[in-house]
Amino acid sequence: MKPYQQRVVAERADLHEKIKRLGDFLGGNAELSVAERSRLLRQHGWMCGYLAVLGERIAAFEGC
């Protein structure tokens, strides 16, 4: 695997962990305001989309 591909794999792993931690935080924090919870849920959604794109890129590496 090329160095830039290794960086993408590492970036995906790091992002996956951040998504998990954010999900855990959202699930266990009833003290958030409605507005803040909404912002964090939007952030979570965008992060999941980014994770999906990284996954697509990694899958495409196999064709290189």
PDB file of N, CA and C in Angstrom:
ATOM      1  N   MET A   1       0.844  -1.180   0.000  1.00  0.00           N
ATOM      2  CA  MET A   1       0.000   0.000   0.000  1.00  0.00           C
ATOM      3  C   MET A   1       0.891   1.245   0.000  1.00  0.00           C
ATOM      4  N   LYS A   2       0.525   2.180  -0.821  1.00  0.00           N
ATOM      5  CA  LYS A   2       1.300   3.411  -0.947  1.00  0.00           C
ATOM      6  C   LYS A   2       1.114   4.286   0.288  1.00  0.00           C
ATOM      7  N   PRO A   3       2.096   5.164   0.568  1.00  0.00           N
ATOM      8  CA  PRO A   3       2.014   6.009   1.767  1.00  0.00           C
ATOM      9  C   PRO A   3       0.724   6.838   1.859  1.00  0.00           C
ATOM     10  N   TYR A   4       0.289   7.427   0.740  1.00  0.00           N
ATOM     11  CA  TYR A   4      -0.927   8.244   0.815  1.00  0.00           C
ATOM     12  C   TYR A   4      -2.147   7.359   1.099  1.00  0.00           C
ATOM     13  N   GLN A   5      -2.110   6.118   0.625  1.00  0.00           N
ATOM     14  CA  GLN A   5      -3.208   5.197   0.895  1.00  0.00           C
ATOM     15  C   GLN A   5      -3.225   4.804   2.370  1.00  0.00           C
ATOM     16  N   GLN A   6      -2.059   4.611   2.926  1.00  0.00           N
ATOM     17  CA  GLN A   6      -1.966   4.310   4.354  1.00  0.00           C
ATOM     18  C   GLN A   6      -2.521   5.469   5.182  1.00  0.00           C
ATOM     19  N   ARG A   7      -2.264   6.696   4.736  1.00  0.00           N
ATOM     20  CA  ARG A   7      -2.784   7.869   5.457  1.00  0.00           C
ATOM     21  C   ARG A   7      -4.309   7.907   5.398  1.00  0.00           C
ATOM     22  N   VAL A   8      -4.877   7.544   4.254  1.00  0.00           N
ATOM     23  CA  VAL A   8      -6.336   7.524   4.129  1.00  0.00           C
ATOM     24  C   VAL A   8      -6.926   6.463   5.056  1.00  0.00           C
ATOM     25  N   VAL A   9      -6.298   5.301   5.113  1.00  0.00           N
ATOM     26  CA  VAL A   9      -6.770   4.233   6.002  1.00  0.00           C
ATOM     27  C   VAL A   9      -6.691   4.688   7.458  1.00  0.00           C
ATOM     28  N   ALA A  10      -5.594   5.328   7.830  1.00  0.00           N
ATOM     29  CA  ALA A  10      -5.438   5.826   9.195  1.00  0.00           C
ATOM     30  C   ALA A  10      -6.452   6.928   9.489  1.00  0.00           C
ATOM     31  N   GLU A  11      -6.693   7.795   8.517  1.00  0.00           N
ATOM     32  CA  GLU A  11      -7.668   8.871   8.688  1.00  0.00           C
ATOM     33  C   GLU A  11      -9.060   8.291   8.911  1.00  0.00           C
ATOM     34  N   ARG A  12      -9.414   7.252   8.150  1.00  0.00           N
ATOM     35  CA  ARG A  12     -10.714   6.622   8.309  1.00  0.00           C
ATOM     36  C   ARG A  12     -10.855   6.003   9.697  1.00  0.00           C
ATOM     37  N   ALA A  13      -9.809   5.323  10.160  1.00  0.00           N
ATOM     38  CA  ALA A  13      -9.852   4.702  11.488  1.00  0.00           C
ATOM     39  C   ALA A  13     -10.025   5.767  12.573  1.00  0.00           C
ATOM     40  N   ASP A  14      -9.309   6.866  12.446  1.00  0.00           N
ATOM     41  CA  ASP A  14      -9.404   7.963  13.410  1.00  0.00           C
ATOM     42  C   ASP A  14     -10.806   8.573  13.393  1.00  0.00           C
ATOM     43  N   LEU A  15     -11.330   8.800  12.201  1.00  0.00           N
ATOM     44  CA  LEU A  15     -12.663   9.373  12.076  1.00  0.00           C
ATOM     45  C   LEU A  15     -13.711   8.423  12.641  1.00  0.00           C
ATOM     46  N   HIS A  16     -13.563   7.134  12.380  1.00  0.00           N
ATOM     47  CA  HIS A  16     -14.506   6.147  12.911  1.00  0.00           C
ATOM     48  C   HIS A  16     -14.554   6.222  14.437  1.00  0.00           C
ATOM     49  N   GLU A  17     -13.404   6.336  15.067  1.00  0.00           N
ATOM     50  CA  GLU A  17     -13.341   6.440  16.528  1.00  0.00           C
ATOM     51  C   GLU A  17     -14.015   7.726  17.011  1.00  0.00           C
ATOM     52  N   LYS A  18     -13.787   8.826  16.317  1.00  0.00           N
ATOM     53  CA  LYS A  18     -14.418  10.093  16.696  1.00  0.00           C
ATOM     54  C   LYS A  18     -15.937  10.017  16.577  1.00  0.00           C
ATOM     55  N   ILE A  19     -16.412   9.357  15.527  1.00  0.00           N
ATOM     56  CA  ILE A  19     -17.851   9.190  15.344  1.00  0.00           C
ATOM     57  C   ILE A  19     -18.429   8.362  16.487  1.00  0.00           C
ATOM     58  N   LYS A  20     -17.738   7.317  16.857  1.00  0.00           N
ATOM     59  CA  LYS A  20     -18.194   6.472  17.966  1.00  0.00           C
ATOM     60  C   LYS A  20     -18.268   7.284  19.256  1.00  0.00           C
ATOM     61  N   ARG A  21     -17.229   8.057  19.541  1.00  0.00           N
ATOM     62  CA  ARG A  21     -17.219   8.850  20.768  1.00  0.00           C
ATOM     63  C   ARG A  21     -18.329   9.902  20.763  1.00  0.00           C
ATOM     64  N   LEU A  22     -18.556  10.542  19.621  1.00  0.00           N
ATOM     65  CA  LEU A  22     -19.616  11.536  19.529  1.00  0.00           C
ATOM     66  C   LEU A  22     -20.977  10.866  19.722  1.00  0.00           C
ATOM     67  N   GLY A  23     -21.178   9.717  19.119  1.00  0.00           N
ATOM     68  CA  GLY A  23     -22.430   8.985  19.293  1.00  0.00           C
ATOM     69  C   GLY A  23     -22.656   8.605  20.747  1.00  0.00           C
ATOM     70  N   ASP A  24     -21.601   8.146  21.414  1.00  0.00           N
ATOM     71  CA  ASP A  24     -21.701   7.811  22.837  1.00  0.00           C
ATOM     72  C   ASP A  24     -22.050   9.042  23.652  1.00  0.00           C
ATOM     73  N   PHE A  25     -21.432  10.164  23.332  1.00  0.00           N
ATOM     74  CA  PHE A  25     -21.699  11.416  24.041  1.00  0.00           C
ATOM     75  C   PHE A  25     -23.153  11.833  23.857  1.00  0.00           C
ATOM     76  N   LEU A  26     -23.628  11.755  22.628  1.00  0.00           N
ATOM     77  CA  LEU A  26     -25.011  12.152  22.358  1.00  0.00           C
ATOM     78  C   LEU A  26     -26.004  11.233  23.052  1.00  0.00           C
ATOM     79  N   GLY A  27     -25.685   9.961  23.097  1.00  0.00           N
ATOM     80  CA  GLY A  27     -26.584   8.990  23.718  1.00  0.00           C
ATOM     81  C   GLY A  27     -26.656   9.104  25.224  1.00  0.00           C
ATOM     82  N   GLY A  28     -25.609   9.609  25.831  1.00  0.00           N
ATOM     83  CA  GLY A  28     -25.567   9.641  27.286  1.00  0.00           C
ATOM     84  C   GLY A  28     -25.607  11.029  27.895  1.00  0.00           C
ATOM     85  N   ASN A  29     -25.989  12.034  27.111  1.00  0.00           N
ATOM     86  CA  ASN A  29     -25.952  13.398  27.626  1.00  0.00           C
ATOM     87  C   ASN A  29     -27.313  14.057  27.443  1.00  0.00           C
ATOM     88  N   ALA A  30     -28.091  14.044  28.524  1.00  0.00           N
ATOM     89  CA  ALA A  30     -29.430  14.639  28.483  1.00  0.00           C
ATOM     90  C   ALA A  30     -29.388  16.138  28.782  1.00  0.00           C
ATOM     91  N   GLU A  31     -28.229  16.668  29.114  1.00  0.00           N
ATOM     92  CA  GLU A  31     -28.130  18.073  29.514  1.00  0.00           C
ATOM     93  C   GLU A  31     -27.937  19.030  28.340  1.00  0.00           C
ATOM     94  N   LEU A  32     -27.801  18.509  27.148  1.00  0.00           N
ATOM     95  CA  LEU A  32     -27.592  19.372  25.988  1.00  0.00           C
ATOM     96  C   LEU A  32     -28.877  20.116  25.650  1.00  0.00           C
ATOM     97  N   SER A  33     -28.708  21.357  25.218  1.00  0.00           N
ATOM     98  CA  SER A  33     -29.872  22.100  24.749  1.00  0.00           C
ATOM     99  C   SER A  33     -30.336  21.486  23.429  1.00  0.00           C
ATOM    100  N   VAL A  34     -31.557  21.772  23.058  1.00  0.00           N
ATOM    101  CA  VAL A  34     -32.098  21.267  21.803  1.00  0.00           C
ATOM    102  C   VAL A  34     -31.252  21.757  20.632  1.00  0.00           C
ATOM    103  N   ALA A  35     -30.869  23.033  20.674  1.00  0.00           N
ATOM    104  CA  ALA A  35     -30.079  23.607  19.584  1.00  0.00           C
ATOM    105  C   ALA A  35     -28.709  22.932  19.484  1.00  0.00           C
ATOM    106  N   GLU A  36     -28.058  22.706  20.620  1.00  0.00           N
ATOM    107  CA  GLU A  36     -26.727  22.083  20.588  1.00  0.00           C
ATOM    108  C   GLU A  36     -26.828  20.633  20.143  1.00  0.00           C
ATOM    109  N   ARG A  37     -27.837  19.917  20.620  1.00  0.00           N
ATOM    110  CA  ARG A  37     -28.026  18.531  20.192  1.00  0.00           C
ATOM    111  C   ARG A  37     -28.244  18.487  18.674  1.00  0.00           C
ATOM    112  N   SER A  38     -29.014  19.417  18.153  1.00  0.00           N
ATOM    113  CA  SER A  38     -29.263  19.485  16.722  1.00  0.00           C
ATOM    114  C   SER A  38     -27.967  19.704  15.946  1.00  0.00           C
ATOM    115  N   ARG A  39     -27.137  20.621  16.430  1.00  0.00           N
ATOM    116  CA  ARG A  39     -25.851  20.881  15.755  1.00  0.00           C
ATOM    117  C   ARG A  39     -24.963  19.648  15.791  1.00  0.00           C
ATOM    118  N   LEU A  40     -24.913  18.985  16.926  1.00  0.00           N
ATOM    119  CA  LEU A  40     -24.064  17.804  17.049  1.00  0.00           C
ATOM    120  C   LEU A  40     -24.585  16.651  16.194  1.00  0.00           C
ATOM    121  N   LEU A  41     -25.888  16.523  16.093  1.00  0.00           N
ATOM    122  CA  LEU A  41     -26.452  15.483  15.228  1.00  0.00           C
ATOM    123  C   LEU A  41     -26.129  15.765  13.756  1.00  0.00           C
ATOM    124  N   ARG A  42     -26.185  17.025  13.368  1.00  0.00           N
ATOM    125  CA  ARG A  42     -25.792  17.390  11.995  1.00  0.00           C
ATOM    126  C   ARG A  42     -24.318  17.078  11.775  1.00  0.00           C
ATOM    127  N   GLN A  43     -23.492  17.428  12.770  1.00  0.00           N
ATOM    128  CA  GLN A  43     -22.059  17.137  12.677  1.00  0.00           C
ATOM    129  C   GLN A  43     -21.852  15.637  12.523  1.00  0.00           C
ATOM    130  N   HIS A  44     -22.543  14.854  13.323  1.00  0.00           N
ATOM    131  CA  HIS A  44     -22.429  13.397  13.272  1.00  0.00           C
ATOM    132  C   HIS A  44     -22.784  12.895  11.870  1.00  0.00           C
ATOM    133  N   GLY A  45     -23.845  13.438  11.307  1.00  0.00           N
ATOM    134  CA  GLY A  45     -24.252  13.036   9.963  1.00  0.00           C
ATOM    135  C   GLY A  45     -23.203  13.343   8.913  1.00  0.00           C
ATOM    136  N   TRP A  46     -22.641  14.529   8.981  1.00  0.00           N
ATOM    137  CA  TRP A  46     -21.587  14.903   8.021  1.00  0.00           C
ATOM    138  C   TRP A  46     -20.355  14.021   8.199  1.00  0.00           C
ATOM    139  N   MET A  47     -20.027  13.727   9.453  1.00  0.00           N
ATOM    140  CA  MET A  47     -18.876  12.871   9.701  1.00  0.00           C
ATOM    141  C   MET A  47     -19.108  11.470   9.123  1.00  0.00           C
ATOM    142  N   CYS A  48     -20.329  10.963   9.246  1.00  0.00           N
ATOM    143  CA  CYS A  48     -20.653   9.647   8.689  1.00  0.00           C
ATOM    144  C   CYS A  48     -20.547   9.670   7.165  1.00  0.00           C
ATOM    145  N   GLY A  49     -20.964  10.766   6.553  1.00  0.00           N
ATOM    146  CA  GLY A  49     -20.820  10.901   5.104  1.00  0.00           C
ATOM    147  C   GLY A  49     -19.367  10.905   4.685  1.00  0.00           C
ATOM    148  N   TYR A  50     -18.559  11.622   5.435  1.00  0.00           N
ATOM    149  CA  TYR A  50     -17.116  11.682   5.167  1.00  0.00           C
ATOM    150  C   TYR A  50     -16.507  10.290   5.315  1.00  0.00           C
ATOM    151  N   LEU A  51     -16.936   9.558   6.353  1.00  0.00           N
ATOM    152  CA  LEU A  51     -16.450   8.198   6.566  1.00  0.00           C
ATOM    153  C   LEU A  51     -16.787   7.316   5.362  1.00  0.00           C
ATOM    154  N   ALA A  52     -17.988   7.472   4.833  1.00  0.00           N
ATOM    155  CA  ALA A  52     -18.402   6.676   3.676  1.00  0.00           C
ATOM    156  C   ALA A  52     -17.523   6.967   2.464  1.00  0.00           C
ATOM    157  N   VAL A  53     -17.210   8.234   2.232  1.00  0.00           N
ATOM    158  CA  VAL A  53     -16.354   8.595   1.097  1.00  0.00           C
ATOM    159  C   VAL A  53     -14.958   8.006   1.277  1.00  0.00           C
ATOM    160  N   LEU A  54     -14.432   8.081   2.486  1.00  0.00           N
ATOM    161  CA  LEU A  54     -13.114   7.483   2.727  1.00  0.00           C
ATOM    162  C   LEU A  54     -13.160   5.982   2.466  1.00  0.00           C
ATOM    163  N   GLY A  55     -14.246   5.338   2.863  1.00  0.00           N
ATOM    164  CA  GLY A  55     -14.401   3.905   2.604  1.00  0.00           C
ATOM    165  C   GLY A  55     -14.427   3.600   1.122  1.00  0.00           C
ATOM    166  N   GLU A  56     -15.108   4.443   0.348  1.00  0.00           N
ATOM    167  CA  GLU A  56     -15.136   4.269  -1.103  1.00  0.00           C
ATOM    168  C   GLU A  56     -13.739   4.418  -1.696  1.00  0.00           C
ATOM    169  N   ARG A  57     -13.012   5.398  -1.199  1.00  0.00           N
ATOM    170  CA  ARG A  57     -11.647   5.610  -1.705  1.00  0.00           C
ATOM    171  C   ARG A  57     -10.770   4.384  -1.409  1.00  0.00           C
ATOM    172  N   ILE A  58     -10.906   3.857  -0.190  1.00  0.00           N
ATOM    173  CA  ILE A  58     -10.098   2.689   0.192  1.00  0.00           C
ATOM    174  C   ILE A  58     -10.469   1.484  -0.663  1.00  0.00           C
ATOM    175  N   ALA A  59     -11.756   1.311  -0.915  1.00  0.00           N
ATOM    176  CA  ALA A  59     -12.193   0.203  -1.767  1.00  0.00           C
ATOM    177  C   ALA A  59     -11.611   0.344  -3.165  1.00  0.00           C
ATOM    178  N   ALA A  60     -11.503   1.569  -3.643  1.00  0.00           N
ATOM    179  CA  ALA A  60     -10.959   1.804  -4.986  1.00  0.00           C
ATOM    180  C   ALA A  60      -9.448   1.540  -5.042  1.00  0.00           C
ATOM    181  N   PHE A  61      -8.784   1.583  -3.905  1.00  0.00           N
ATOM    182  CA  PHE A  61      -7.344   1.307  -3.891  1.00  0.00           C
ATOM    183  C   PHE A  61      -7.063  -0.099  -4.413  1.00  0.00           C
ATOM    184  N   GLU A  62      -7.976  -1.014  -4.180  1.00  0.00           N
ATOM    185  CA  GLU A  62      -7.768  -2.385  -4.591  1.00  0.00           C
ATOM    186  C   GLU A  62      -7.681  -2.508  -6.111  1.00  0.00           C
ATOM    187  N   GLY A  63      -8.266  -1.528  -6.811  1.00  0.00           N
ATOM    188  CA  GLY A  63      -8.206  -1.543  -8.266  1.00  0.00           C
ATOM    189  C   GLY A  63      -6.955  -0.883  -8.826  1.00  0.00           C
ATOM    190  N   CYS A  64      -6.160  -0.281  -7.954  1.00  0.00           N
ATOM    191  CA  CYS A  64      -4.943   0.421  -8.407  1.00  0.00           C
ATOM    192  C   CYS A  64      -3.824  -0.542  -8.687  1.00  0.00           C
TER     193      CYS A  64
END
